[in-house]
Amino acid sequence: MQRTRITIISTLLIVIIIIFVKAYYPLNWLTIKYGMSYSDVISIIGKPDADLRGTKEFCIWHNDDILNKTIKIYFKFDKVHSINMDWQ
């Protein structure tokens, strides 16, 4: 009985930790808003890992933590047009 209870509690804790980690993005990524200028974005999250504004109109930033998250921001006329955050 005691062993079963410990197993259930341990499993629940693991599930809660996984959910918390999966829901987390770097907080400064969440401050990026549509219509922000490129220079405003750079001042918040730093220089991009890949700057393709000259060809594809987007920049990519990587966060190499546990889940290897990526944010891709599309710019139109040097303003944020679209934001895509995902795990790789």
PDB file of N, CA and C in Angstrom:
ATOM      1  N   MET A   1       0.826  -1.195   0.000  1.00  0.00           N
ATOM      2  CA  MET A   1       0.000   0.000   0.000  1.00  0.00           C
ATOM      3  C   MET A   1       0.871   1.260   0.000  1.00  0.00           C
ATOM      4  N   GLN A   2       1.836   1.311   0.900  1.00  0.00           N
ATOM      5  CA  GLN A   2       2.733   2.460   0.990  1.00  0.00           C
ATOM      6  C   GLN A   2       3.567   2.599  -0.292  1.00  0.00           C
ATOM      7  N   ARG A   3       4.021   1.483  -0.822  1.00  0.00           N
ATOM      8  CA  ARG A   3       4.832   1.489  -2.039  1.00  0.00           C
ATOM      9  C   ARG A   3       4.020   1.986  -3.230  1.00  0.00           C
ATOM     10  N   THR A   4       2.766   1.597  -3.325  1.00  0.00           N
ATOM     11  CA  THR A   4       1.880   2.049  -4.394  1.00  0.00           C
ATOM     12  C   THR A   4       1.663   3.554  -4.304  1.00  0.00           C
ATOM     13  N   ARG A   5       1.462   4.047  -3.109  1.00  0.00           N
ATOM     14  CA  ARG A   5       1.250   5.480  -2.900  1.00  0.00           C
ATOM     15  C   ARG A   5       2.486   6.279  -3.342  1.00  0.00           C
ATOM     16  N   ILE A   6       3.664   5.812  -2.991  1.00  0.00           N
ATOM     17  CA  ILE A   6       4.903   6.484  -3.382  1.00  0.00           C
ATOM     18  C   ILE A   6       5.064   6.466  -4.896  1.00  0.00           C
ATOM     19  N   THR A   7       4.742   5.361  -5.524  1.00  0.00           N
ATOM     20  CA  THR A   7       4.832   5.252  -6.980  1.00  0.00           C
ATOM     21  C   THR A   7       3.882   6.225  -7.657  1.00  0.00           C
ATOM     22  N   ILE A   8       2.667   6.337  -7.174  1.00  0.00           N
ATOM     23  CA  ILE A   8       1.678   7.248  -7.764  1.00  0.00           C
ATOM     24  C   ILE A   8       2.125   8.699  -7.599  1.00  0.00           C
ATOM     25  N   ILE A   9       2.598   9.049  -6.420  1.00  0.00           N
ATOM     26  CA  ILE A   9       3.050  10.419  -6.171  1.00  0.00           C
ATOM     27  C   ILE A   9       4.263  10.742  -7.039  1.00  0.00           C
ATOM     28  N   SER A  10       5.197   9.831  -7.155  1.00  0.00           N
ATOM     29  CA  SER A  10       6.376  10.048  -7.996  1.00  0.00           C
ATOM     30  C   SER A  10       5.990  10.243  -9.454  1.00  0.00           C
ATOM     31  N   THR A  11       5.073   9.441  -9.951  1.00  0.00           N
ATOM     32  CA  THR A  11       4.608   9.556 -11.332  1.00  0.00           C
ATOM     33  C   THR A  11       3.932  10.900 -11.569  1.00  0.00           C
ATOM     34  N   LEU A  12       3.092  11.319 -10.627  1.00  0.00           N
ATOM     35  CA  LEU A  12       2.421  12.610 -10.760  1.00  0.00           C
ATOM     36  C   LEU A  12       3.427  13.763 -10.765  1.00  0.00           C
ATOM     37  N   LEU A  13       4.424  13.688  -9.917  1.00  0.00           N
ATOM     38  CA  LEU A  13       5.454  14.735  -9.889  1.00  0.00           C
ATOM     39  C   LEU A  13       6.215  14.803 -11.204  1.00  0.00           C
ATOM     40  N   ILE A  14       6.544  13.674 -11.765  1.00  0.00           N
ATOM     41  CA  ILE A  14       7.245  13.642 -13.052  1.00  0.00           C
ATOM     42  C   ILE A  14       6.379  14.259 -14.148  1.00  0.00           C
ATOM     43  N   VAL A  15       5.099  13.925 -14.177  1.00  0.00           N
ATOM     44  CA  VAL A  15       4.180  14.487 -15.173  1.00  0.00           C
ATOM     45  C   VAL A  15       4.070  15.999 -15.012  1.00  0.00           C
ATOM     46  N   ILE A  16       3.973  16.474 -13.794  1.00  0.00           N
ATOM     47  CA  ILE A  16       3.881  17.922 -13.542  1.00  0.00           C
ATOM     48  C   ILE A  16       5.154  18.633 -13.999  1.00  0.00           C
ATOM     49  N   ILE A  17       6.299  18.057 -13.726  1.00  0.00           N
ATOM     50  CA  ILE A  17       7.561  18.661 -14.150  1.00  0.00           C
ATOM     51  C   ILE A  17       7.644  18.716 -15.672  1.00  0.00           C
ATOM     52  N   ILE A  18       7.251  17.656 -16.350  1.00  0.00           N
ATOM     53  CA  ILE A  18       7.282  17.634 -17.818  1.00  0.00           C
ATOM     54  C   ILE A  18       6.354  18.704 -18.389  1.00  0.00           C
ATOM     55  N   ILE A  19       5.159  18.821 -17.835  1.00  0.00           N
ATOM     56  CA  ILE A  19       4.209  19.830 -18.313  1.00  0.00           C
ATOM     57  C   ILE A  19       4.783  21.225 -18.092  1.00  0.00           C
ATOM     58  N   PHE A  20       5.372  21.476 -16.942  1.00  0.00           N
ATOM     59  CA  PHE A  20       5.947  22.790 -16.651  1.00  0.00           C
ATOM     60  C   PHE A  20       7.071  23.125 -17.629  1.00  0.00           C
ATOM     61  N   VAL A  21       7.965  22.187 -17.868  1.00  0.00           N
ATOM     62  CA  VAL A  21       9.097  22.432 -18.762  1.00  0.00           C
ATOM     63  C   VAL A  21       8.612  22.653 -20.193  1.00  0.00           C
ATOM     64  N   LYS A  22       7.639  21.888 -20.646  1.00  0.00           N
ATOM     65  CA  LYS A  22       7.143  22.038 -22.012  1.00  0.00           C
ATOM     66  C   LYS A  22       6.418  23.362 -22.206  1.00  0.00           C
ATOM     67  N   ALA A  23       5.823  23.899 -21.179  1.00  0.00           N
ATOM     68  CA  ALA A  23       5.069  25.144 -21.298  1.00  0.00           C
ATOM     69  C   ALA A  23       5.978  26.366 -21.213  1.00  0.00           C
ATOM     70  N   TYR A  24       7.224  26.198 -20.875  1.00  0.00           N
ATOM     71  CA  TYR A  24       8.123  27.315 -20.635  1.00  0.00           C
ATOM     72  C   TYR A  24       8.853  27.740 -21.905  1.00  0.00           C
ATOM     73  N   TYR A  25       8.798  29.010 -22.185  1.00  0.00           N
ATOM     74  CA  TYR A  25       9.659  29.645 -23.178  1.00  0.00           C
ATOM     75  C   TYR A  25      10.442  30.725 -22.449  1.00  0.00           C
ATOM     76  N   PRO A  26      11.563  31.121 -22.988  1.00  0.00           N
ATOM     77  CA  PRO A  26      12.259  32.255 -22.356  1.00  0.00           C
ATOM     78  C   PRO A  26      11.302  33.443 -22.251  1.00  0.00           C
ATOM     79  N   LEU A  27      11.223  34.036 -21.090  1.00  0.00           N
ATOM     80  CA  LEU A  27      10.237  35.089 -20.853  1.00  0.00           C
ATOM     81  C   LEU A  27      10.400  36.287 -21.781  1.00  0.00           C
ATOM     82  N   ASN A  28      11.634  36.597 -22.172  1.00  0.00           N
ATOM     83  CA  ASN A  28      11.801  37.737 -23.067  1.00  0.00           C
ATOM     84  C   ASN A  28      11.214  37.459 -24.451  1.00  0.00           C
ATOM     85  N   TRP A  29      11.096  36.196 -24.852  1.00  0.00           N
ATOM     86  CA  TRP A  29      10.449  35.880 -26.134  1.00  0.00           C
ATOM     87  C   TRP A  29       8.975  36.260 -26.102  1.00  0.00           C
ATOM     88  N   LEU A  30       8.369  36.149 -24.936  1.00  0.00           N
ATOM     89  CA  LEU A  30       6.936  36.421 -24.829  1.00  0.00           C
ATOM     90  C   LEU A  30       6.620  37.912 -24.864  1.00  0.00           C
ATOM     91  N   THR A  31       7.629  38.760 -24.795  1.00  0.00           N
ATOM     92  CA  THR A  31       7.392  40.201 -24.846  1.00  0.00           C
ATOM     93  C   THR A  31       7.390  40.745 -26.276  1.00  0.00           C
ATOM     94  N   ILE A  32       7.746  39.919 -27.254  1.00  0.00           N
ATOM     95  CA  ILE A  32       7.751  40.359 -28.649  1.00  0.00           C
ATOM     96  C   ILE A  32       6.307  40.483 -29.122  1.00  0.00           C
ATOM     97  N   LYS A  33       5.995  41.635 -29.704  1.00  0.00           N
ATOM     98  CA  LYS A  33       4.624  41.913 -30.167  1.00  0.00           C
ATOM     99  C   LYS A  33       4.633  42.252 -31.652  1.00  0.00           C
ATOM    100  N   TYR A  34       3.510  42.025 -32.302  1.00  0.00           N
ATOM    101  CA  TYR A  34       3.353  42.379 -33.707  1.00  0.00           C
ATOM    102  C   TYR A  34       3.533  43.880 -33.882  1.00  0.00           C
ATOM    103  N   GLY A  35       4.217  44.265 -34.954  1.00  0.00           N
ATOM    104  CA  GLY A  35       4.424  45.674 -35.243  1.00  0.00           C
ATOM    105  C   GLY A  35       5.690  46.257 -34.639  1.00  0.00           C
ATOM    106  N   MET A  36       6.397  45.494 -33.785  1.00  0.00           N
ATOM    107  CA  MET A  36       7.657  45.991 -33.212  1.00  0.00           C
ATOM    108  C   MET A  36       8.702  46.109 -34.320  1.00  0.00           C
ATOM    109  N   SER A  37       9.597  47.061 -34.175  1.00  0.00           N
ATOM    110  CA  SER A  37      10.661  47.212 -35.165  1.00  0.00           C
ATOM    111  C   SER A  37      11.747  46.167 -34.923  1.00  0.00           C
ATOM    112  N   TYR A  38      12.565  45.953 -35.949  1.00  0.00           N
ATOM    113  CA  TYR A  38      13.678  45.008 -35.844  1.00  0.00           C
ATOM    114  C   TYR A  38      14.614  45.430 -34.716  1.00  0.00           C
ATOM    115  N   SER A  39      14.907  46.712 -34.613  1.00  0.00           N
ATOM    116  CA  SER A  39      15.832  47.180 -33.565  1.00  0.00           C
ATOM    117  C   SER A  39      15.248  46.967 -32.164  1.00  0.00           C
ATOM    118  N   ASP A  40      13.917  47.092 -32.004  1.00  0.00           N
ATOM    119  CA  ASP A  40      13.293  46.812 -30.709  1.00  0.00           C
ATOM    120  C   ASP A  40      13.428  45.334 -30.342  1.00  0.00           C
ATOM    121  N   VAL A  41      13.231  44.471 -31.329  1.00  0.00           N
ATOM    122  CA  VAL A  41      13.357  43.027 -31.095  1.00  0.00           C
ATOM    123  C   VAL A  41      14.786  42.690 -30.681  1.00  0.00           C
ATOM    124  N   ILE A  42      15.763  43.257 -31.377  1.00  0.00           N
ATOM    125  CA  ILE A  42      17.173  43.005 -31.055  1.00  0.00           C
ATOM    126  C   ILE A  42      17.500  43.481 -29.642  1.00  0.00           C
ATOM    127  N   SER A  43      16.929  44.609 -29.240  1.00  0.00           N
ATOM    128  CA  SER A  43      17.219  45.106 -27.891  1.00  0.00           C
ATOM    129  C   SER A  43      16.628  44.205 -26.809  1.00  0.00           C
ATOM    130  N   ILE A  44      15.562  43.457 -27.142  1.00  0.00           N
ATOM    131  CA  ILE A  44      14.931  42.568 -26.156  1.00  0.00           C
ATOM    132  C   ILE A  44      15.579  41.194 -26.127  1.00  0.00           C
ATOM    133  N   ILE A  45      15.784  40.573 -27.304  1.00  0.00           N
ATOM    134  CA  ILE A  45      16.262  39.188 -27.315  1.00  0.00           C
ATOM    135  C   ILE A  45      17.653  39.011 -27.923  1.00  0.00           C
ATOM    136  N   GLY A  46      18.296  40.079 -28.322  1.00  0.00           N
ATOM    137  CA  GLY A  46      19.658  39.983 -28.847  1.00  0.00           C
ATOM    138  C   GLY A  46      19.689  39.691 -30.338  1.00  0.00           C
ATOM    139  N   LYS A  47      20.908  39.596 -30.854  1.00  0.00           N
ATOM    140  CA  LYS A  47      21.078  39.344 -32.288  1.00  0.00           C
ATOM    141  C   LYS A  47      20.630  37.929 -32.635  1.00  0.00           C
ATOM    142  N   PRO A  48      20.041  37.744 -33.822  1.00  0.00           N
ATOM    143  CA  PRO A  48      19.559  36.416 -34.215  1.00  0.00           C
ATOM    144  C   PRO A  48      20.698  35.464 -34.553  1.00  0.00           C
ATOM    145  N   ASP A  49      20.423  34.171 -34.418  1.00  0.00           N
ATOM    146  CA  ASP A  49      21.380  33.152 -34.822  1.00  0.00           C
ATOM    147  C   ASP A  49      21.442  33.041 -36.338  1.00  0.00           C
ATOM    148  N   ALA A  50      20.322  33.345 -36.996  1.00  0.00           N
ATOM    149  CA  ALA A  50      20.269  33.345 -38.460  1.00  0.00           C
ATOM    150  C   ALA A  50      19.428  34.543 -38.900  1.00  0.00           C
ATOM    151  N   ASP A  51      20.047  35.441 -39.661  1.00  0.00           N
ATOM    152  CA  ASP A  51      19.360  36.635 -40.137  1.00  0.00           C
ATOM    153  C   ASP A  51      19.146  36.507 -41.635  1.00  0.00           C
ATOM    154  N   LEU A  52      17.920  36.184 -42.029  1.00  0.00           N
ATOM    155  CA  LEU A  52      17.599  35.977 -43.443  1.00  0.00           C
ATOM    156  C   LEU A  52      16.664  37.067 -43.962  1.00  0.00           C
ATOM    157  N   ARG A  53      16.762  38.253 -43.397  1.00  0.00           N
ATOM    158  CA  ARG A  53      15.873  39.333 -43.828  1.00  0.00           C
ATOM    159  C   ARG A  53      16.122  39.726 -45.279  1.00  0.00           C
ATOM    160  N   GLY A  54      17.327  39.550 -45.762  1.00  0.00           N
ATOM    161  CA  GLY A  54      17.635  39.919 -47.139  1.00  0.00           C
ATOM    162  C   GLY A  54      17.005  39.004 -48.170  1.00  0.00           C
ATOM    163  N   THR A  55      16.737  37.750 -47.792  1.00  0.00           N
ATOM    164  CA  THR A  55      16.209  36.790 -48.765  1.00  0.00           C
ATOM    165  C   THR A  55      14.813  36.279 -48.406  1.00  0.00           C
ATOM    166  N   LYS A  56      14.626  35.897 -47.163  1.00  0.00           N
ATOM    167  CA  LYS A  56      13.362  35.266 -46.760  1.00  0.00           C
ATOM    168  C   LYS A  56      12.531  36.110 -45.812  1.00  0.00           C
ATOM    169  N   GLU A  57      13.060  37.262 -45.392  1.00  0.00           N
ATOM    170  CA  GLU A  57      12.346  38.175 -44.493  1.00  0.00           C
ATOM    171  C   GLU A  57      12.097  37.620 -43.094  1.00  0.00           C
ATOM    172  N   PHE A  58      12.952  36.730 -42.593  1.00  0.00           N
ATOM    173  CA  PHE A  58      12.782  36.281 -41.208  1.00  0.00           C
ATOM    174  C   PHE A  58      14.125  36.070 -40.533  1.00  0.00           C
ATOM    175  N   CYS A  59      14.084  36.021 -39.221  1.00  0.00           N
ATOM    176  CA  CYS A  59      15.261  35.758 -38.394  1.00  0.00           C
ATOM    177  C   CYS A  59      14.922  34.607 -37.444  1.00  0.00           C
ATOM    178  N   ILE A  60      15.960  33.884 -37.048  1.00  0.00           N
ATOM    179  CA  ILE A  60      15.776  32.733 -36.165  1.00  0.00           C
ATOM    180  C   ILE A  60      16.675  32.877 -34.944  1.00  0.00           C
ATOM    181  N   TRP A  61      16.108  32.601 -33.772  1.00  0.00           N
ATOM    182  CA  TRP A  61      16.852  32.544 -32.518  1.00  0.00           C
ATOM    183  C   TRP A  61      16.668  31.148 -31.942  1.00  0.00           C
ATOM    184  N   HIS A  62      17.741  30.599 -31.361  1.00  0.00           N
ATOM    185  CA  HIS A  62      17.687  29.283 -30.717  1.00  0.00           C
ATOM    186  C   HIS A  62      17.926  29.450 -29.229  1.00  0.00           C
ATOM    187  N   ASN A  63      17.266  28.596 -28.453  1.00  0.00           N
ATOM    188  CA  ASN A  63      17.518  28.517 -27.014  1.00  0.00           C
ATOM    189  C   ASN A  63      17.905  27.071 -26.749  1.00  0.00           C
ATOM    190  N   ASP A  64      19.184  26.829 -26.550  1.00  0.00           N
ATOM    191  CA  ASP A  64      19.690  25.460 -26.427  1.00  0.00           C
ATOM    192  C   ASP A  64      19.593  24.926 -25.011  1.00  0.00           C
ATOM    193  N   ASP A  65      18.397  24.967 -24.450  1.00  0.00           N
ATOM    194  CA  ASP A  65      18.210  24.382 -23.124  1.00  0.00           C
ATOM    195  C   ASP A  65      17.744  22.941 -23.292  1.00  0.00           C
ATOM    196  N   ILE A  66      17.024  22.435 -22.358  1.00  0.00           N
ATOM    197  CA  ILE A  66      16.600  21.033 -22.372  1.00  0.00           C
ATOM    198  C   ILE A  66      15.820  20.675 -23.630  1.00  0.00           C
ATOM    199  N   LEU A  67      14.920  21.559 -24.062  1.00  0.00           N
ATOM    200  CA  LEU A  67      14.021  21.226 -25.169  1.00  0.00           C
ATOM    201  C   LEU A  67      14.423  21.829 -26.502  1.00  0.00           C
ATOM    202  N   ASN A  68      15.512  22.582 -26.555  1.00  0.00           N
ATOM    203  CA  ASN A  68      15.997  23.166 -27.798  1.00  0.00           C
ATOM    204  C   ASN A  68      14.901  23.934 -28.533  1.00  0.00           C
ATOM    205  N   LYS A  69      14.447  25.010 -27.938  1.00  0.00           N
ATOM    206  CA  LYS A  69      13.359  25.810 -28.505  1.00  0.00           C
ATOM    207  C   LYS A  69      13.881  26.795 -29.544  1.00  0.00           C
ATOM    208  N   THR A  70      13.007  27.170 -30.475  1.00  0.00           N
ATOM    209  CA  THR A  70      13.351  28.107 -31.540  1.00  0.00           C
ATOM    210  C   THR A  70      12.230  29.115 -31.701  1.00  0.00           C
ATOM    211  N   ILE A  71      12.607  30.371 -31.957  1.00  0.00           N
ATOM    212  CA  ILE A  71      11.630  31.381 -32.319  1.00  0.00           C
ATOM    213  C   ILE A  71      12.029  31.898 -33.704  1.00  0.00           C
ATOM    214  N   LYS A  72      11.047  31.965 -34.585  1.00  0.00           N
ATOM    215  CA  LYS A  72      11.251  32.492 -35.926  1.00  0.00           C
ATOM    216  C   LYS A  72      10.324  33.696 -36.067  1.00  0.00           C
ATOM    217  N   ILE A  73      10.914  34.846 -36.370  1.00  0.00           N
ATOM    218  CA  ILE A  73      10.128  36.072 -36.492  1.00  0.00           C
ATOM    219  C   ILE A  73      10.216  36.564 -37.932  1.00  0.00           C
ATOM    220  N   TYR A  74       9.048  36.728 -38.550  1.00  0.00           N
ATOM    221  CA  TYR A  74       8.962  37.255 -39.907  1.00  0.00           C
ATOM    222  C   TYR A  74       8.797  38.769 -39.844  1.00  0.00           C
ATOM    223  N   PHE A  75       9.577  39.470 -40.656  1.00  0.00           N
ATOM    224  CA  PHE A  75       9.512  40.929 -40.702  1.00  0.00           C
ATOM    225  C   PHE A  75       8.969  41.378 -42.056  1.00  0.00           C
ATOM    226  N   LYS A  76       8.136  42.388 -42.031  1.00  0.00           N
ATOM    227  CA  LYS A  76       7.650  43.023 -43.244  1.00  0.00           C
ATOM    228  C   LYS A  76       7.837  44.518 -43.053  1.00  0.00           C
ATOM    229  N   PHE A  77       8.602  45.148 -43.943  1.00  0.00           N
ATOM    230  CA  PHE A  77       8.938  46.567 -43.832  1.00  0.00           C
ATOM    231  C   PHE A  77       9.596  46.872 -42.482  1.00  0.00           C
ATOM    232  N   ASP A  78      10.488  45.965 -42.065  1.00  0.00           N
ATOM    233  CA  ASP A  78      11.262  46.095 -40.834  1.00  0.00           C
ATOM    234  C   ASP A  78      10.404  46.089 -39.562  1.00  0.00           C
ATOM    235  N   LYS A  79       9.206  45.535 -39.642  1.00  0.00           N
ATOM    236  CA  LYS A  79       8.312  45.398 -38.483  1.00  0.00           C
ATOM    237  C   LYS A  79       7.939  43.924 -38.328  1.00  0.00           C
ATOM    238  N   VAL A  80       7.677  43.497 -37.081  1.00  0.00           N
ATOM    239  CA  VAL A  80       7.277  42.109 -36.823  1.00  0.00           C
ATOM    240  C   VAL A  80       5.920  41.856 -37.474  1.00  0.00           C
ATOM    241  N   HIS A  81       5.898  40.857 -38.346  1.00  0.00           N
ATOM    242  CA  HIS A  81       4.670  40.504 -39.047  1.00  0.00           C
ATOM    243  C   HIS A  81       4.092  39.185 -38.521  1.00  0.00           C
ATOM    244  N   SER A  82       4.984  38.245 -38.140  1.00  0.00           N
ATOM    245  CA  SER A  82       4.542  36.932 -37.681  1.00  0.00           C
ATOM    246  C   SER A  82       5.586  36.364 -36.727  1.00  0.00           C
ATOM    247  N   ILE A  83       5.102  35.633 -35.719  1.00  0.00           N
ATOM    248  CA  ILE A  83       5.979  35.030 -34.716  1.00  0.00           C
ATOM    249  C   ILE A  83       5.645  33.539 -34.623  1.00  0.00           C
ATOM    250  N   ASN A  84       6.689  32.703 -34.700  1.00  0.00           N
ATOM    251  CA  ASN A  84       6.491  31.258 -34.612  1.00  0.00           C
ATOM    252  C   ASN A  84       7.485  30.698 -33.602  1.00  0.00           C
ATOM    253  N   MET A  85       6.971  30.123 -32.497  1.00  0.00           N
ATOM    254  CA  MET A  85       7.815  29.500 -31.483  1.00  0.00           C
ATOM    255  C   MET A  85       7.549  28.000 -31.496  1.00  0.00           C
ATOM    256  N   ASP A  86       8.617  27.206 -31.516  1.00  0.00           N
ATOM    257  CA  ASP A  86       8.401  25.757 -31.497  1.00  0.00           C
ATOM    258  C   ASP A  86       9.608  25.046 -30.888  1.00  0.00           C
ATOM    259  N   TRP A  87       9.423  23.746 -30.663  1.00  0.00           N
ATOM    260  CA  TRP A  87      10.485  22.872 -30.173  1.00  0.00           C
ATOM    261  C   TRP A  87      11.020  22.102 -31.340  1.00  0.00           C
ATOM    262  N   GLN A  88      12.303  21.829 -31.309  1.00  0.00           N
ATOM    263  CA  GLN A  88      12.887  21.031 -32.382  1.00  0.00           C
ATOM    264  C   GLN A  88      13.237  19.664 -31.867  1.00  0.00           C
TER     265      GLN A  88
END
